[in-house]
Amino acid sequence: MINIQRAIERYSADHGWLKSNFSFSFADYYDEKYLQFGPMRVLNDDSIAATEGFGMHPHREMEIVTVVLNGVLEHKDSLGNRAETTWGGIQRMSAGTGVFHSEYNISKDEQLDLLQMWFLPSVKGISPSYETTEFDTEGLADTLVPIASSNGVEGKIAHVHQDMTIYLSAPSAGKPLAFTQGAGRKVFLFVLEGEVSVNGEAKLGRRDAARIENVPELSILSEKGARIMLIDLP
């Protein structure tokens, strides 16, 4: 089963300094079709104006992964961490028993674009923690590059407390990208840029998402080149 959520179907919120598109029920937006997908609970596609951001606020019992697409994100938290992340960097915060953090666009003139994702942890009651990692932006071509996982994946990747892996990829025009879905597992596919087709049938455009279940073999093809995110979930 391939359930497609078009970009235009997402809930949009415009607060002036913050423009958000929600792929899941979040804040004032509720849709029983998009409450959760496996342990995946939130995907917010945010654009934050220069010098703006979210002040200190609390989280608990959630794995929060942020992918910066453009600009520079400043993170501070009650654990004493401070970091700046841009395209090519990933940040992971395990809220665990509780943590406060802030997220700001520290640029004076550039918009910040990011994806923030929340996942339910496989174990509750862990100590809160934070880390940033980097990936080779030039190494995404025609391969699935893991950027966050709980599994023994090679490379320096963000460690999430859930049986899942987040991949980024940039399939070239006309070169199919293959992925095998394990028995009983799910795939969340999100198109960052461009257009792709899945198994020659489902066609997805920029910021479209596909929730995929019981499809063992996936072949992802772009006619003109694309950039995608694929999340393997229990």
Protein backbone atom coordinates (compact mmCIF):
# COMPACT_ATOMS: atom_id res chain seq x y z
CA MET A 1 0.00 0.00 0.00
CA ILE A 2 1.30 3.44 -0.97
CA ASN A 3 -0.63 6.32 0.61
CA ILE A 4 0.34 9.65 -0.92
CA GLN A 5 0.01 12.95 0.90
CA ARG A 6 0.42 15.86 -1.51
CA ALA A 7 2.30 18.95 -0.40
CA ILE A 8 -0.78 21.07 -1.02
CA GLU A 9 -2.82 18.81 1.28
CA ARG A 10 -0.67 19.56 4.31
CA TYR A 11 -1.90 21.95 6.96
CA SER A 12 -0.19 25.35 6.63
CA ALA A 13 0.34 27.92 9.35
CA ASP A 14 1.61 31.47 8.71
CA HIS A 15 2.73 33.44 11.76
CA GLY A 16 4.65 36.04 9.78
CA TRP A 17 8.11 35.18 11.12
CA LEU A 18 7.30 31.45 10.91
CA LYS A 19 5.72 29.56 8.03
CA SER A 20 5.04 25.87 8.70
CA ASN A 21 3.60 22.91 6.85
CA PHE A 22 2.56 19.91 8.95
CA SER A 23 2.60 16.35 7.61
CA PHE A 24 1.12 15.09 10.90
CA SER A 25 -1.39 16.39 13.43
CA PHE A 26 0.39 19.07 15.44
CA ALA A 27 -0.52 22.03 17.65
CA ASP A 28 -3.97 23.29 16.53
CA TYR A 29 -4.10 20.93 13.54
CA TYR A 30 -5.81 17.58 14.03
CA ASP A 31 -6.49 14.91 11.41
CA GLU A 32 -7.06 11.33 12.54
CA LYS A 33 -5.53 10.09 9.24
CA TYR A 34 -2.22 11.70 10.13
CA LEU A 35 -1.78 11.11 13.83
CA GLN A 36 1.20 8.78 13.59
CA PHE A 37 3.05 6.43 11.23
CA GLY A 38 4.80 3.73 13.21
CA PRO A 39 6.77 5.70 15.83
CA MET A 40 6.90 8.78 13.58
CA ARG A 41 4.80 11.49 15.16
CA VAL A 42 5.77 14.85 13.59
CA LEU A 43 7.26 16.25 10.38
CA ASN A 44 7.20 20.03 10.27
CA ASP A 45 8.53 21.82 7.19
CA ASP A 46 9.45 25.22 8.65
CA SER A 47 10.72 28.53 7.27
CA ILE A 48 11.94 30.96 9.95
CA ALA A 49 12.67 34.62 9.29
CA ALA A 50 16.06 36.17 10.07
CA THR A 51 16.79 36.69 13.81
CA GLU A 52 13.56 34.85 14.78
CA GLY A 53 12.97 31.51 16.43
CA PHE A 54 11.53 29.50 19.30
CA GLY A 55 12.42 30.56 22.85
CA MET A 56 13.15 28.10 25.65
CA HIS A 57 10.41 25.47 25.91
CA PRO A 58 10.18 21.92 27.30
CA HIS A 59 10.02 18.45 25.74
CA ARG A 60 9.99 14.96 27.18
CA GLU A 61 9.87 11.34 25.93
CA MET A 62 10.53 12.20 22.29
CA GLU A 63 13.36 11.73 19.78
CA ILE A 64 13.70 15.00 17.83
CA VAL A 65 15.75 15.07 14.61
CA THR A 66 16.32 18.28 12.65
CA VAL A 67 17.58 18.54 9.08
CA VAL A 68 18.61 22.06 8.07
CA LEU A 69 17.99 22.71 4.37
CA ASN A 70 19.09 26.34 4.16
CA GLY A 71 20.53 28.87 6.57
CA VAL A 72 22.00 28.40 10.05
CA LEU A 73 20.12 27.06 13.08
CA GLU A 74 21.31 27.87 16.60
CA HIS A 75 20.40 25.39 19.33
CA LYS A 76 20.69 25.96 23.09
CA ASP A 77 19.38 23.70 25.85
CA SER A 78 19.18 23.23 29.60
CA LEU A 79 21.96 20.63 29.41
CA GLY A 80 24.40 23.40 28.53
CA ASN A 81 24.68 22.55 24.83
CA ARG A 82 25.02 25.18 22.14
CA ALA A 83 25.46 24.36 18.45
CA GLU A 84 25.03 25.83 14.98
CA THR A 85 23.78 23.58 12.20
CA THR A 86 23.46 24.16 8.45
CA TRP A 87 22.93 22.01 5.33
CA GLY A 88 25.16 18.98 5.74
CA GLY A 89 24.54 18.83 9.47
CA ILE A 90 22.01 16.91 11.54
CA GLN A 91 20.96 17.52 15.11
CA ARG A 92 19.35 14.96 17.39
CA MET A 93 17.86 15.66 20.79
CA SER A 94 16.56 12.86 22.99
CA ALA A 95 14.18 14.63 25.36
CA GLY A 96 13.93 11.62 27.67
CA THR A 97 12.88 12.55 31.20
CA GLY A 98 12.77 16.23 30.25
CA VAL A 99 14.78 19.05 28.68
CA PHE A 100 14.33 22.71 27.73
CA HIS A 101 15.70 24.08 24.47
CA SER A 102 15.57 27.04 22.10
CA GLU A 103 15.98 27.13 18.31
CA TYR A 104 16.84 30.36 16.47
CA ASN A 105 17.76 31.64 13.03
CA ILE A 106 20.89 33.59 13.91
CA SER A 107 21.26 35.20 10.48
CA LYS A 108 20.47 38.90 10.18
CA ASP A 109 19.26 38.61 6.60
CA GLU A 110 18.84 34.95 5.52
CA GLN A 111 15.77 32.77 5.90
CA LEU A 112 16.19 29.45 7.72
CA ASP A 113 14.52 26.37 6.20
CA LEU A 114 14.42 23.10 8.10
CA LEU A 115 12.62 19.83 8.66
CA GLN A 116 11.93 18.89 12.25
CA MET A 117 10.82 15.34 13.00
CA TRP A 118 9.61 13.73 16.21
CA PHE A 119 9.70 10.00 16.91
CA LEU A 120 8.43 8.08 19.90
CA PRO A 121 11.37 6.38 21.67
CA SER A 122 11.50 2.62 22.06
CA VAL A 123 12.36 3.05 25.76
CA LYS A 124 11.07 5.72 28.13
CA GLY A 125 12.84 7.27 31.07
CA ILE A 126 16.26 7.77 29.48
CA SER A 127 18.49 10.71 30.37
CA PRO A 128 18.11 13.62 27.94
CA SER A 129 20.97 14.09 25.45
CA TYR A 130 21.95 16.09 22.38
CA GLU A 131 24.36 15.67 19.47
CA THR A 132 25.19 17.08 16.05
CA THR A 133 26.69 15.09 13.17
CA GLU A 134 27.64 15.82 9.58
CA PHE A 135 27.27 14.07 6.24
CA ASP A 136 28.92 14.59 2.85
CA THR A 137 26.45 16.61 0.79
CA GLU A 138 28.30 15.61 -2.39
CA GLY A 139 28.00 11.93 -1.49
CA LEU A 140 24.21 11.71 -1.78
CA ALA A 141 24.17 10.98 -5.51
CA ASP A 142 22.48 7.67 -6.37
CA THR A 143 22.84 6.17 -2.91
CA LEU A 144 20.91 6.15 0.36
CA VAL A 145 23.07 7.87 2.98
CA PRO A 146 22.07 7.13 6.60
CA ILE A 147 22.02 10.27 8.74
CA ALA A 148 20.28 8.96 11.89
CA SER A 149 19.74 5.43 13.17
CA SER A 150 19.70 3.11 16.18
CA ASN A 151 21.20 0.32 14.10
CA GLY A 152 24.85 -0.51 13.51
CA VAL A 153 25.16 1.60 10.39
CA GLU A 154 28.66 2.59 9.32
CA GLY A 155 29.68 6.23 9.55
CA LYS A 156 29.19 8.98 12.10
CA ILE A 157 25.44 9.33 12.29
CA ALA A 158 23.00 10.64 14.86
CA HIS A 159 21.90 7.95 17.30
CA VAL A 160 18.14 7.73 17.89
CA HIS A 161 16.51 5.60 20.55
CA GLN A 162 14.18 3.80 18.15
CA ASP A 163 14.55 0.93 15.65
CA MET A 164 14.67 3.13 12.57
CA THR A 165 16.99 4.76 10.04
CA ILE A 166 16.70 8.11 8.24
CA TYR A 167 18.34 8.28 4.80
CA LEU A 168 18.98 11.15 2.40
CA SER A 169 19.63 10.65 -1.30
CA ALA A 170 19.94 12.56 -4.57
CA PRO A 171 18.95 10.16 -7.37
CA SER A 172 20.29 11.24 -10.76
CA ALA A 173 18.07 11.54 -13.79
CA GLY A 174 17.13 8.12 -15.13
CA LYS A 175 18.99 6.10 -12.48
CA PRO A 176 16.66 3.99 -10.30
CA LEU A 177 17.31 3.82 -6.58
CA ALA A 178 16.40 0.52 -4.90
CA PHE A 179 15.31 -0.14 -1.33
CA THR A 180 14.14 -3.40 0.27
CA GLN A 181 11.48 -3.02 2.94
CA GLY A 182 11.84 -5.55 5.74
CA ALA A 183 8.88 -7.73 6.71
CA GLY A 184 6.41 -5.86 8.87
CA ARG A 185 8.22 -2.54 8.43
CA LYS A 186 7.13 0.79 7.01
CA VAL A 187 8.73 3.43 4.79
CA PHE A 188 8.04 7.15 4.90
CA LEU A 189 9.25 8.79 1.68
CA PHE A 190 9.51 12.59 1.40
CA VAL A 191 10.56 14.49 -1.71
CA LEU A 192 12.75 17.47 -0.84
CA GLU A 193 13.26 18.67 -4.40
CA GLY A 194 12.23 17.46 -7.85
CA GLU A 195 9.89 14.63 -8.82
CA VAL A 196 10.09 10.85 -8.46
CA SER A 197 8.02 7.78 -9.23
CA VAL A 198 7.81 4.72 -6.99
CA ASN A 199 7.68 1.30 -8.67
CA GLY A 200 6.67 2.98 -11.91
CA GLU A 201 3.29 3.94 -10.50
CA ALA A 202 3.05 6.43 -7.66
CA LYS A 203 4.34 9.84 -8.73
CA LEU A 204 5.49 12.36 -6.16
CA GLY A 205 6.47 16.00 -6.55
CA ARG A 206 8.31 18.49 -4.38
CA ARG A 207 7.36 18.11 -0.69
CA ASP A 208 4.94 15.25 -1.41
CA ALA A 209 5.09 12.31 1.01
CA ALA A 210 4.29 8.61 0.69
CA ARG A 211 3.49 6.30 3.59
CA ILE A 212 4.41 2.83 2.31
CA GLU A 213 3.48 -0.53 3.84
CA ASN A 214 3.64 -4.12 2.59
CA VAL A 215 5.65 -3.25 -0.52
CA PRO A 216 8.83 -5.35 -0.15
CA GLU A 217 10.82 -3.89 -3.06
CA LEU A 218 10.93 -0.20 -3.88
CA SER A 219 12.35 1.34 -7.05
CA ILE A 220 12.55 5.12 -6.95
CA LEU A 221 13.15 6.88 -10.26
CA SER A 222 13.51 10.53 -11.18
CA GLU A 223 13.42 11.69 -14.79
CA LYS A 224 15.24 14.97 -14.11
CA GLY A 225 17.01 14.36 -10.80
CA ALA A 226 15.72 14.85 -7.27
CA ARG A 227 16.57 14.99 -3.59
CA ILE A 228 14.65 12.72 -1.21
CA MET A 229 14.44 11.55 2.39
CA LEU A 230 13.53 7.93 3.13
CA ILE A 231 12.76 6.73 6.67
CA ASP A 232 12.72 3.01 7.50
CA LEU A 233 10.35 2.44 10.45
CA PRO A 234 9.07 -0.47 12.54
